Amino acid sequence: MDGREVHRRGQALLTTALATTALTAGMAVPAAAAPGGYECSSQRFCVEAESPGSAGDAGGPAPAGGGAGSGSGKPQNTLGECTTRKLDPQPPASSPVWGGRSPSEGAIYIRTCEMVRGGPGAAGRVAFPAGGPFFAGEAPDDEGPDPAVLAQRAIDSMLLAGPAIASPKTEGTYTVGMPMWMWVTPSATTYGPNTATASAGGVTVTATARVSRIVWDMGDGRRVTCTGPGTPYRASYGKQPSPTCGHTYRASSASQAGGTYPVTATATWEIEWSGGDQAGEVTTTRTSEAAVSVGEGQAVGR
């Protein structure tokens, strides 16, 4: 099922605020969308209907450089606490909402969930009905959010980004046949570890994210997988290949579009979370880009 279909079904399952006069008249409750597109269950909680989100071969010294990061690290709307209340007044015994039961057997309730909006200029909390009115023999307990939903909220707040590429640099020209050293500059948002918490309804979840590997697509048809940030190059290393993360170009980039190789570095973030008597793992990726010039002759800008 794709995101559009889930969103459509979420809209169909949500209800507008319920008017007592409509219930007492036995009218059907019209379906409507909750803010942010949530799929709801009258007995549980709402889940956001649209989701967000990714030692090599030896290879050389030359200019080091930064790249542009990208990835789905935007804050998102998430679920807060859900509460249940008894309708007052209760619908008449003739109302179809009773499902053929007698008012003496129980009561009609409605559940309301809180959506926490995230993102610049959109912060706030909005309450909306989660499904239609339902019968219960006894007053149901209020239910807080799913810990997995809180985990996603914590992850969103980390604003995880693509690798901060230190080498290769976009400035200068590298040399064909010379080992290239690749490395990134670690930080909480570009490499980890990064820890965040989220709370709602008396439940607190803590999530910790770390980059487990970076896959470098060198633009020449070859990929290099590095399990660490790489080793920064020093002039004293001369023409040695990188011991942890490197590549050697075998052809000039002159024939490439723009005269450069399009390099991407895709970091895989492994995220562990726990809280609310539950635990889990989430994997996501973030990508950064760099354009690398490779030519014949002496390398410059080391």
C-alpha atoms as a PDB file:
ATOM      1  CA  MET A   1       0.000   0.000   0.000  1.00  0.00           C
ATOM      2  CA  ASP A   2       1.532   3.362  -0.994  1.00  0.00           C
ATOM      3  CA  GLY A   3       1.498   6.559   1.050  1.00  0.00           C
ATOM      4  CA  ARG A   4      -1.390   8.088  -0.888  1.00  0.00           C
ATOM      5  CA  GLU A   5      -3.631   5.076  -0.256  1.00  0.00           C
ATOM      6  CA  VAL A   6      -2.749   5.044   3.448  1.00  0.00           C
ATOM      7  CA  HIS A   7      -3.446   8.768   3.616  1.00  0.00           C
ATOM      8  CA  ARG A   8      -6.802   8.292   1.865  1.00  0.00           C
ATOM      9  CA  ARG A   9      -7.810   5.550   4.270  1.00  0.00           C
ATOM     10  CA  GLY A  10      -6.657   7.641   7.202  1.00  0.00           C
ATOM     11  CA  GLN A  11      -8.929  10.448   6.082  1.00  0.00           C
ATOM     12  CA  ALA A  12     -11.853   8.057   5.734  1.00  0.00           C
ATOM     13  CA  LEU A  13     -11.374   6.719   9.261  1.00  0.00           C
ATOM     14  CA  LEU A  14     -11.132  10.085  10.979  1.00  0.00           C
ATOM     15  CA  THR A  15     -14.185  11.971  12.209  1.00  0.00           C
ATOM     16  CA  THR A  16     -14.980  15.595  12.803  1.00  0.00           C
ATOM     17  CA  ALA A  17     -15.919  16.946  16.206  1.00  0.00           C
ATOM     18  CA  LEU A  18     -19.145  15.268  17.209  1.00  0.00           C
ATOM     19  CA  ALA A  19     -22.232  17.328  17.802  1.00  0.00           C
ATOM     20  CA  THR A  20     -24.516  16.051  20.548  1.00  0.00           C
ATOM     21  CA  THR A  21     -27.578  16.977  18.541  1.00  0.00           C
ATOM     22  CA  ALA A  22     -26.406  14.755  15.686  1.00  0.00           C
ATOM     23  CA  LEU A  23     -25.924  11.816  18.030  1.00  0.00           C
ATOM     24  CA  THR A  24     -29.271  12.215  19.750  1.00  0.00           C
ATOM     25  CA  ALA A  25     -30.951  12.244  16.352  1.00  0.00           C
ATOM     26  CA  GLY A  26     -29.161   9.003  15.460  1.00  0.00           C
ATOM     27  CA  MET A  27     -27.373  10.635  12.537  1.00  0.00           C
ATOM     28  CA  ALA A  28     -24.241   9.072  11.030  1.00  0.00           C
ATOM     29  CA  VAL A  29     -21.001  10.820  11.890  1.00  0.00           C
ATOM     30  CA  PRO A  30     -19.378  12.329   8.783  1.00  0.00           C
ATOM     31  CA  ALA A  31     -15.798  11.345   7.990  1.00  0.00           C
ATOM     32  CA  ALA A  32     -13.116  14.013   7.804  1.00  0.00           C
ATOM     33  CA  ALA A  33      -9.357  14.354   7.901  1.00  0.00           C
ATOM     34  CA  ALA A  34      -7.419  15.143  11.036  1.00  0.00           C
ATOM     35  CA  PRO A  35      -4.592  17.657  10.755  1.00  0.00           C
ATOM     36  CA  GLY A  36      -1.481  16.063   9.281  1.00  0.00           C
ATOM     37  CA  GLY A  37      -3.146  12.955   7.855  1.00  0.00           C
ATOM     38  CA  TYR A  38      -3.547  10.327  10.560  1.00  0.00           C
ATOM     39  CA  GLU A  39      -4.982   6.821  10.452  1.00  0.00           C
ATOM     40  CA  CYS A  40      -7.019   6.227  13.585  1.00  0.00           C
ATOM     41  CA  SER A  41      -8.590   3.435  15.576  1.00  0.00           C
ATOM     42  CA  SER A  42     -11.466   4.173  17.908  1.00  0.00           C
ATOM     43  CA  GLN A  43     -10.013   1.742  20.446  1.00  0.00           C
ATOM     44  CA  ARG A  44      -6.367   2.734  20.349  1.00  0.00           C
ATOM     45  CA  PHE A  45      -4.515   5.688  18.897  1.00  0.00           C
ATOM     46  CA  CYS A  46      -3.709   7.493  15.662  1.00  0.00           C
ATOM     47  CA  VAL A  47      -0.640   6.815  13.544  1.00  0.00           C
ATOM     48  CA  GLU A  48       0.738   9.304  11.054  1.00  0.00           C
ATOM     49  CA  ALA A  49      -0.361   8.223   7.597  1.00  0.00           C
ATOM     50  CA  GLU A  50       2.632   9.576   5.681  1.00  0.00           C
ATOM     51  CA  SER A  51       6.213   8.665   6.568  1.00  0.00           C
ATOM     52  CA  PRO A  52       9.518  10.471   5.956  1.00  0.00           C
ATOM     53  CA  GLY A  53      13.683   8.733   4.683  1.00  0.00           C
ATOM     54  CA  SER A  54      20.639   5.857   3.764  1.00  0.00           C
ATOM     55  CA  ALA A  55      37.981  -0.554   5.065  1.00  0.00           C
ATOM     56  CA  GLY A  56      37.311   0.242   1.361  1.00  0.00           C
ATOM     57  CA  ASP A  57      39.836  -0.316  -1.409  1.00  0.00           C
ATOM     58  CA  ALA A  58      43.032   1.674  -1.138  1.00  0.00           C
ATOM     59  CA  GLY A  59      42.753   4.774  -2.933  1.00  0.00           C
ATOM     60  CA  GLY A  60      45.055   9.524  -2.517  1.00  0.00           C
ATOM     61  CA  PRO A  61      46.288  12.632  -1.388  1.00  0.00           C
ATOM     62  CA  ALA A  62      45.139  15.840  -3.045  1.00  0.00           C
ATOM     63  CA  PRO A  63      42.664  18.604  -2.180  1.00  0.00           C
ATOM     64  CA  ALA A  64      40.205  17.791   0.634  1.00  0.00           C
ATOM     65  CA  GLY A  65      36.683  19.236   0.467  1.00  0.00           C
ATOM     66  CA  GLY A  66      33.167  19.645   1.719  1.00  0.00           C
ATOM     67  CA  GLY A  67      29.976  18.392   0.202  1.00  0.00           C
ATOM     68  CA  ALA A  68      26.357  19.347   0.358  1.00  0.00           C
ATOM     69  CA  GLY A  69      24.279  17.216   2.702  1.00  0.00           C
ATOM     70  CA  SER A  70      20.762  16.039   2.073  1.00  0.00           C
ATOM     71  CA  GLY A  71      18.212  13.764   3.670  1.00  0.00           C
ATOM     72  CA  SER A  72      14.778  13.605   5.217  1.00  0.00           C
ATOM     73  CA  GLY A  73      15.617  15.102   8.601  1.00  0.00           C
ATOM     74  CA  LYS A  74      12.621  17.477   8.742  1.00  0.00           C
ATOM     75  CA  PRO A  75      10.505  17.592  11.902  1.00  0.00           C
ATOM     76  CA  GLN A  76       7.134  15.868  11.498  1.00  0.00           C
ATOM     77  CA  ASN A  77       3.742  15.842  13.112  1.00  0.00           C
ATOM     78  CA  THR A  78       3.539  13.187  15.804  1.00  0.00           C
ATOM     79  CA  LEU A  79       0.931  11.821  18.176  1.00  0.00           C
ATOM     80  CA  GLY A  80       0.550  12.988  21.743  1.00  0.00           C
ATOM     81  CA  GLU A  81      -1.707  11.600  24.466  1.00  0.00           C
ATOM     82  CA  CYS A  82      -5.123  10.060  23.777  1.00  0.00           C
ATOM     83  CA  THR A  83      -7.998  10.447  26.253  1.00  0.00           C
ATOM     84  CA  THR A  84     -11.489   8.930  26.456  1.00  0.00           C
ATOM     85  CA  ARG A  85     -14.650  10.632  27.720  1.00  0.00           C
ATOM     86  CA  LYS A  86     -18.236   9.535  28.215  1.00  0.00           C
ATOM     87  CA  LEU A  87     -20.707  11.371  26.012  1.00  0.00           C
ATOM     88  CA  ASP A  88     -22.973  13.656  28.008  1.00  0.00           C
ATOM     89  CA  PRO A  89     -25.860  13.472  27.404  1.00  0.00           C
ATOM     90  CA  GLN A  90     -25.914   9.879  26.176  1.00  0.00           C
ATOM     91  CA  PRO A  91     -27.649   9.137  22.851  1.00  0.00           C
ATOM     92  CA  PRO A  92     -31.237   7.878  23.136  1.00  0.00           C
ATOM     93  CA  ALA A  93     -31.724   4.122  23.397  1.00  0.00           C
ATOM     94  CA  SER A  94     -33.098   4.133  19.843  1.00  0.00           C
ATOM     95  CA  SER A  95     -29.832   5.458  18.383  1.00  0.00           C
ATOM     96  CA  PRO A  96     -27.963   2.974  16.142  1.00  0.00           C
ATOM     97  CA  VAL A  97     -24.744   3.851  17.953  1.00  0.00           C
ATOM     98  CA  TRP A  98     -25.806   1.417  20.695  1.00  0.00           C
ATOM     99  CA  GLY A  99     -25.619  -1.462  18.236  1.00  0.00           C
ATOM    100  CA  GLY A 100     -28.740  -3.079  19.687  1.00  0.00           C
ATOM    101  CA  ARG A 101     -27.495  -2.908  23.276  1.00  0.00           C
ATOM    102  CA  SER A 102     -29.404  -1.423  26.187  1.00  0.00           C
ATOM    103  CA  PRO A 103     -28.106   1.721  27.935  1.00  0.00           C
ATOM    104  CA  SER A 104     -28.217  -0.310  31.148  1.00  0.00           C
ATOM    105  CA  GLU A 105     -25.367  -2.477  29.803  1.00  0.00           C
ATOM    106  CA  GLY A 106     -22.838   0.347  29.507  1.00  0.00           C
ATOM    107  CA  ALA A 107     -22.297   3.719  27.878  1.00  0.00           C
ATOM    108  CA  ILE A 108     -21.145   5.457  24.693  1.00  0.00           C
ATOM    109  CA  TYR A 109     -17.664   6.983  24.687  1.00  0.00           C
ATOM    110  CA  ILE A 110     -15.498   9.050  22.345  1.00  0.00           C
ATOM    111  CA  ARG A 111     -11.703   9.047  22.167  1.00  0.00           C
ATOM    112  CA  THR A 112      -9.706  12.208  21.454  1.00  0.00           C
ATOM    113  CA  CYS A 113      -6.041  12.260  20.439  1.00  0.00           C
ATOM    114  CA  GLU A 114      -3.553  15.102  20.529  1.00  0.00           C
ATOM    115  CA  MET A 115      -1.345  15.828  17.537  1.00  0.00           C
ATOM    116  CA  VAL A 116       1.938  17.656  18.163  1.00  0.00           C
ATOM    117  CA  ARG A 117       2.934  19.688  15.149  1.00  0.00           C
ATOM    118  CA  GLY A 118       6.644  20.055  14.397  1.00  0.00           C
ATOM    119  CA  GLY A 119       8.611  22.266  12.054  1.00  0.00           C
ATOM    120  CA  PRO A 120       9.357  25.997  11.739  1.00  0.00           C
ATOM    121  CA  GLY A 121       6.237  28.087  12.151  1.00  0.00           C
ATOM    122  CA  ALA A 122       4.064  25.018  12.711  1.00  0.00           C
ATOM    123  CA  ALA A 123       4.719  24.139  16.340  1.00  0.00           C
ATOM    124  CA  GLY A 124       1.618  23.542  18.408  1.00  0.00           C
ATOM    125  CA  ARG A 125      -0.890  20.979  19.624  1.00  0.00           C
ATOM    126  CA  VAL A 126      -4.208  20.090  18.014  1.00  0.00           C
ATOM    127  CA  ALA A 127      -6.849  17.749  19.474  1.00  0.00           C
ATOM    128  CA  PHE A 128      -9.151  15.733  17.202  1.00  0.00           C
ATOM    129  CA  PRO A 129     -11.535  12.747  17.518  1.00  0.00           C
ATOM    130  CA  ALA A 130      -9.945   9.337  16.901  1.00  0.00           C
ATOM    131  CA  GLY A 131     -12.726   7.372  15.250  1.00  0.00           C
ATOM    132  CA  GLY A 132     -16.437   7.528  16.001  1.00  0.00           C
ATOM    133  CA  PRO A 133     -18.362   7.002  19.240  1.00  0.00           C
ATOM    134  CA  PHE A 134     -18.199   3.469  20.625  1.00  0.00           C
ATOM    135  CA  PHE A 135     -19.893   1.330  23.252  1.00  0.00           C
ATOM    136  CA  ALA A 136     -18.097   0.040  26.354  1.00  0.00           C
ATOM    137  CA  GLY A 137     -19.464  -1.873  29.317  1.00  0.00           C
ATOM    138  CA  GLU A 138     -17.020  -0.065  31.622  1.00  0.00           C
ATOM    139  CA  ALA A 139     -15.144   3.197  31.266  1.00  0.00           C
ATOM    140  CA  PRO A 140     -12.014   2.425  29.193  1.00  0.00           C
ATOM    141  CA  ASP A 141      -8.617   3.528  30.449  1.00  0.00           C
ATOM    142  CA  ASP A 142      -6.943   6.465  28.760  1.00  0.00           C
ATOM    143  CA  GLU A 143      -4.142   5.311  26.498  1.00  0.00           C
ATOM    144  CA  GLY A 144      -0.932   7.189  25.852  1.00  0.00           C
ATOM    145  CA  PRO A 145       0.973   7.106  22.579  1.00  0.00           C
ATOM    146  CA  ASP A 146       2.733   4.080  21.174  1.00  0.00           C
ATOM    147  CA  PRO A 147       6.403   4.177  22.315  1.00  0.00           C
ATOM    148  CA  ALA A 148       7.409   3.617  18.681  1.00  0.00           C
ATOM    149  CA  VAL A 149       5.670   6.878  17.771  1.00  0.00           C
ATOM    150  CA  LEU A 150       7.551   8.682  20.540  1.00  0.00           C
ATOM    151  CA  ALA A 151      10.769   7.113  19.251  1.00  0.00           C
ATOM    152  CA  GLN A 152      10.114   8.609  15.827  1.00  0.00           C
ATOM    153  CA  ARG A 153       9.473  11.992  17.435  1.00  0.00           C
ATOM    154  CA  ALA A 154      12.840  11.765  19.210  1.00  0.00           C
ATOM    155  CA  ILE A 155      14.549  10.778  15.958  1.00  0.00           C
ATOM    156  CA  ASP A 156      12.950  13.686  14.101  1.00  0.00           C
ATOM    157  CA  SER A 157      14.301  16.107  16.700  1.00  0.00           C
ATOM    158  CA  MET A 158      17.877  14.947  16.031  1.00  0.00           C
ATOM    159  CA  LEU A 159      17.824  16.539  12.546  1.00  0.00           C
ATOM    160  CA  LEU A 160      20.195  13.889  11.217  1.00  0.00           C
ATOM    161  CA  ALA A 161      22.141  15.019   8.135  1.00  0.00           C
ATOM    162  CA  GLY A 162      24.435  13.607   5.477  1.00  0.00           C
ATOM    163  CA  PRO A 163      28.178  13.180   6.067  1.00  0.00           C
ATOM    164  CA  ALA A 164      30.282  16.343   6.422  1.00  0.00           C
ATOM    165  CA  ILE A 165      32.716  15.530   3.614  1.00  0.00           C
ATOM    166  CA  ALA A 166      36.236  16.758   4.389  1.00  0.00           C
ATOM    167  CA  SER A 167      37.888  14.893   1.499  1.00  0.00           C
ATOM    168  CA  PRO A 168      37.598  14.735  -1.441  1.00  0.00           C
ATOM    169  CA  LYS A 169      37.348  18.487  -1.902  1.00  0.00           C
ATOM    170  CA  THR A 170      35.533  20.201  -4.703  1.00  0.00           C
ATOM    171  CA  GLU A 171      38.405  22.682  -5.081  1.00  0.00           C
ATOM    172  CA  GLY A 172      41.582  21.760  -6.950  1.00  0.00           C
ATOM    173  CA  THR A 173      42.332  18.783  -9.162  1.00  0.00           C
ATOM    174  CA  TYR A 174      43.256  15.231  -8.178  1.00  0.00           C
ATOM    175  CA  THR A 175      45.650  13.083 -10.204  1.00  0.00           C
ATOM    176  CA  VAL A 176      44.869   9.924 -12.134  1.00  0.00           C
ATOM    177  CA  GLY A 177      46.535   6.914 -10.511  1.00  0.00           C
ATOM    178  CA  MET A 178      47.239   8.675  -7.213  1.00  0.00           C
ATOM    179  CA  PRO A 179      45.622   7.248  -4.063  1.00  0.00           C
ATOM    180  CA  MET A 180      42.786   9.448  -2.810  1.00  0.00           C
ATOM    181  CA  TRP A 181      42.049   9.574   0.914  1.00  0.00           C
ATOM    182  CA  MET A 182      38.391  10.024   1.872  1.00  0.00           C
ATOM    183  CA  TRP A 183      37.212  11.132   5.275  1.00  0.00           C
ATOM    184  CA  VAL A 184      34.398  13.012   6.950  1.00  0.00           C
ATOM    185  CA  THR A 185      34.261  15.377   9.920  1.00  0.00           C
ATOM    186  CA  PRO A 186      32.185  13.684  12.642  1.00  0.00           C
ATOM    187  CA  SER A 187      29.548  15.626  14.575  1.00  0.00           C
ATOM    188  CA  ALA A 188      26.368  14.743  16.435  1.00  0.00           C
ATOM    189  CA  THR A 189      24.153  15.466  13.418  1.00  0.00           C
ATOM    190  CA  THR A 190      26.436  14.112  10.676  1.00  0.00           C
ATOM    191  CA  TYR A 191      27.978  11.020  12.312  1.00  0.00           C
ATOM    192  CA  GLY A 192      26.824  10.576  15.902  1.00  0.00           C
ATOM    193  CA  PRO A 193      26.369   9.476  18.511  1.00  0.00           C
ATOM    194  CA  ASN A 194      23.230  11.571  18.807  1.00  0.00           C
ATOM    195  CA  THR A 195      20.770  11.067  21.664  1.00  0.00           C
ATOM    196  CA  ALA A 196      17.286  12.557  22.076  1.00  0.00           C
ATOM    197  CA  THR A 197      14.173  11.904  24.144  1.00  0.00           C
ATOM    198  CA  ALA A 198      10.442  12.400  23.635  1.00  0.00           C
ATOM    199  CA  SER A 199       7.653  12.214  26.210  1.00  0.00           C
ATOM    200  CA  ALA A 200       3.854  12.108  26.233  1.00  0.00           C
ATOM    201  CA  GLY A 201       1.194  10.667  28.483  1.00  0.00           C
ATOM    202  CA  GLY A 202       3.685   9.712  31.178  1.00  0.00           C
ATOM    203  CA  VAL A 203       5.841   7.721  28.738  1.00  0.00           C
ATOM    204  CA  THR A 204       9.425   8.740  27.910  1.00  0.00           C
ATOM    205  CA  VAL A 205      11.439   7.214  25.079  1.00  0.00           C
ATOM    206  CA  THR A 206      15.174   7.701  24.525  1.00  0.00           C
ATOM    207  CA  ALA A 207      16.784   7.144  21.117  1.00  0.00           C
ATOM    208  CA  THR A 208      20.485   7.050  20.202  1.00  0.00           C
ATOM    209  CA  ALA A 209      21.714   7.248  16.589  1.00  0.00           C
ATOM    210  CA  ARG A 210      25.124   6.346  15.151  1.00  0.00           C
ATOM    211  CA  VAL A 211      26.480   6.018  11.620  1.00  0.00           C
ATOM    212  CA  SER A 212      27.442   2.392  10.968  1.00  0.00           C
ATOM    213  CA  ARG A 213      28.905   2.833   7.488  1.00  0.00           C
ATOM    214  CA  ILE A 214      29.327   5.273   4.628  1.00  0.00           C
ATOM    215  CA  VAL A 215      29.003   4.121   1.026  1.00  0.00           C
ATOM    216  CA  TRP A 216      30.935   6.327  -1.387  1.00  0.00           C
ATOM    217  CA  ASP A 217      29.769   6.321  -5.002  1.00  0.00           C
ATOM    218  CA  MET A 218      32.844   7.707  -6.768  1.00  0.00           C
ATOM    219  CA  GLY A 219      31.083   8.595 -10.016  1.00  0.00           C
ATOM    220  CA  ASP A 220      33.336   6.332 -12.119  1.00  0.00           C
ATOM    221  CA  GLY A 221      31.214   3.217 -11.672  1.00  0.00           C
ATOM    222  CA  ARG A 222      32.896   2.131  -8.456  1.00  0.00           C
ATOM    223  CA  ARG A 223      31.701   2.212  -4.855  1.00  0.00           C
ATOM    224  CA  VAL A 224      33.688   2.144  -1.636  1.00  0.00           C
ATOM    225  CA  THR A 225      32.160   1.132   1.707  1.00  0.00           C
ATOM    226  CA  CYS A 226      33.863   2.559   4.793  1.00  0.00           C
ATOM    227  CA  THR A 227      32.937   1.495   8.320  1.00  0.00           C
ATOM    228  CA  GLY A 228      34.521   4.526   9.973  1.00  0.00           C
ATOM    229  CA  PRO A 229      34.891   8.260   9.305  1.00  0.00           C
ATOM    230  CA  GLY A 230      38.156   7.710   7.411  1.00  0.00           C
ATOM    231  CA  THR A 231      41.722   8.829   8.126  1.00  0.00           C
ATOM    232  CA  PRO A 232      42.757  12.462   7.499  1.00  0.00           C
ATOM    233  CA  TYR A 233      45.700  12.738   5.091  1.00  0.00           C
ATOM    234  CA  ARG A 234      49.040  14.242   6.110  1.00  0.00           C
ATOM    235  CA  ALA A 235      51.855  15.298   3.809  1.00  0.00           C
ATOM    236  CA  SER A 236      54.192  12.874   5.579  1.00  0.00           C
ATOM    237  CA  TYR A 237      52.109   9.970   4.228  1.00  0.00           C
ATOM    238  CA  GLY A 238      53.289  10.707   0.691  1.00  0.00           C
ATOM    239  CA  LYS A 239      51.743   8.420  -1.931  1.00  0.00           C
ATOM    240  CA  GLN A 240      50.549   5.783   0.523  1.00  0.00           C
ATOM    241  CA  PRO A 241      46.940   4.619   0.151  1.00  0.00           C
ATOM    242  CA  SER A 242      44.517   5.343   2.980  1.00  0.00           C
ATOM    243  CA  PRO A 243      44.471   2.554   5.571  1.00  0.00           C
ATOM    244  CA  THR A 244      40.735   2.973   6.190  1.00  0.00           C
ATOM    245  CA  CYS A 245      38.874   4.668   3.326  1.00  0.00           C
ATOM    246  CA  GLY A 246      40.302   5.437  -0.089  1.00  0.00           C
ATOM    247  CA  HIS A 247      39.993   5.194  -3.859  1.00  0.00           C
ATOM    248  CA  THR A 248      42.167   5.553  -6.957  1.00  0.00           C
ATOM    249  CA  TYR A 249      40.777   7.046 -10.155  1.00  0.00           C
ATOM    250  CA  ARG A 250      41.972   5.347 -13.341  1.00  0.00           C
ATOM    251  CA  ALA A 251      40.734   7.964 -15.794  1.00  0.00           C
ATOM    252  CA  SER A 252      40.434  11.725 -16.061  1.00  0.00           C
ATOM    253  CA  SER A 253      37.107  13.403 -15.369  1.00  0.00           C
ATOM    254  CA  ALA A 254      37.472  15.593 -18.468  1.00  0.00           C
ATOM    255  CA  SER A 255      34.863  13.597 -20.380  1.00  0.00           C
ATOM    256  CA  GLN A 256      32.312  13.805 -17.557  1.00  0.00           C
ATOM    257  CA  ALA A 257      29.493  16.361 -17.462  1.00  0.00           C
ATOM    258  CA  GLY A 258      30.965  19.557 -16.062  1.00  0.00           C
ATOM    259  CA  GLY A 259      34.423  18.002 -16.164  1.00  0.00           C
ATOM    260  CA  THR A 260      33.998  16.405 -12.724  1.00  0.00           C
ATOM    261  CA  TYR A 261      33.030  13.086 -11.174  1.00  0.00           C
ATOM    262  CA  PRO A 262      29.754  13.316  -9.192  1.00  0.00           C
ATOM    263  CA  VAL A 263      30.601  11.798  -5.801  1.00  0.00           C
ATOM    264  CA  THR A 264      27.978  10.867  -3.219  1.00  0.00           C
ATOM    265  CA  ALA A 265      28.539   9.720   0.350  1.00  0.00           C
ATOM    266  CA  THR A 266      25.552   7.892   1.846  1.00  0.00           C
ATOM    267  CA  ALA A 267      25.619   7.331   5.598  1.00  0.00           C
ATOM    268  CA  THR A 268      23.571   4.553   7.184  1.00  0.00           C
ATOM    269  CA  TRP A 269      22.262   5.607  10.589  1.00  0.00           C
ATOM    270  CA  GLU A 270      21.515   2.811  13.058  1.00  0.00           C
ATOM    271  CA  ILE A 271      19.142   4.029  15.776  1.00  0.00           C
ATOM    272  CA  GLU A 272      18.278   2.196  18.986  1.00  0.00           C
ATOM    273  CA  TRP A 273      15.430   3.325  21.232  1.00  0.00           C
ATOM    274  CA  SER A 274      13.808   2.203  24.466  1.00  0.00           C
ATOM    275  CA  GLY A 275      11.046   3.348  26.796  1.00  0.00           C
ATOM    276  CA  GLY A 276       7.523   2.498  27.855  1.00  0.00           C
ATOM    277  CA  ASP A 277       8.597  -1.117  28.463  1.00  0.00           C
ATOM    278  CA  GLN A 278       9.472  -1.447  24.781  1.00  0.00           C
ATOM    279  CA  ALA A 279      12.608  -1.204  22.641  1.00  0.00           C
ATOM    280  CA  GLY A 280      13.384  -1.192  18.954  1.00  0.00           C
ATOM    281  CA  GLU A 281      15.748  -0.302  16.149  1.00  0.00           C
ATOM    282  CA  VAL A 282      15.382   2.055  13.191  1.00  0.00           C
ATOM    283  CA  THR A 283      17.637   2.383  10.142  1.00  0.00           C
ATOM    284  CA  THR A 284      17.730   5.446   7.906  1.00  0.00           C
ATOM    285  CA  THR A 285      20.141   7.022   5.427  1.00  0.00           C
ATOM    286  CA  ARG A 286      21.402  10.507   4.635  1.00  0.00           C
ATOM    287  CA  THR A 287      23.442  11.561   1.596  1.00  0.00           C
ATOM    288  CA  SER A 288      25.971  14.301   0.821  1.00  0.00           C
ATOM    289  CA  GLU A 289      27.443  15.222  -2.560  1.00  0.00           C
ATOM    290  CA  ALA A 290      30.697  16.563  -3.985  1.00  0.00           C
ATOM    291  CA  ALA A 291      32.006  17.236  -7.508  1.00  0.00           C
ATOM    292  CA  VAL A 292      35.589  15.987  -7.957  1.00  0.00           C
ATOM    293  CA  SER A 293      37.988  17.043 -10.704  1.00  0.00           C
ATOM    294  CA  VAL A 294      40.569  14.440 -11.750  1.00  0.00           C
ATOM    295  CA  GLY A 295      43.273  15.077 -14.328  1.00  0.00           C
ATOM    296  CA  GLU A 296      46.647  13.939 -15.594  1.00  0.00           C
ATOM    297  CA  GLY A 297      49.821  15.287 -13.995  1.00  0.00           C
ATOM    298  CA  GLN A 298      50.727  16.863 -10.651  1.00  0.00           C
ATOM    299  CA  ALA A 299      48.036  17.122  -7.982  1.00  0.00           C
ATOM    300  CA  VAL A 300      47.525  20.558  -6.495  1.00  0.00           C
ATOM    301  CA  GLY A 301      45.872  21.892  -3.364  1.00  0.00           C
ATOM    302  CA  ARG A 302      46.903  19.102  -1.000  1.00  0.00           C
END
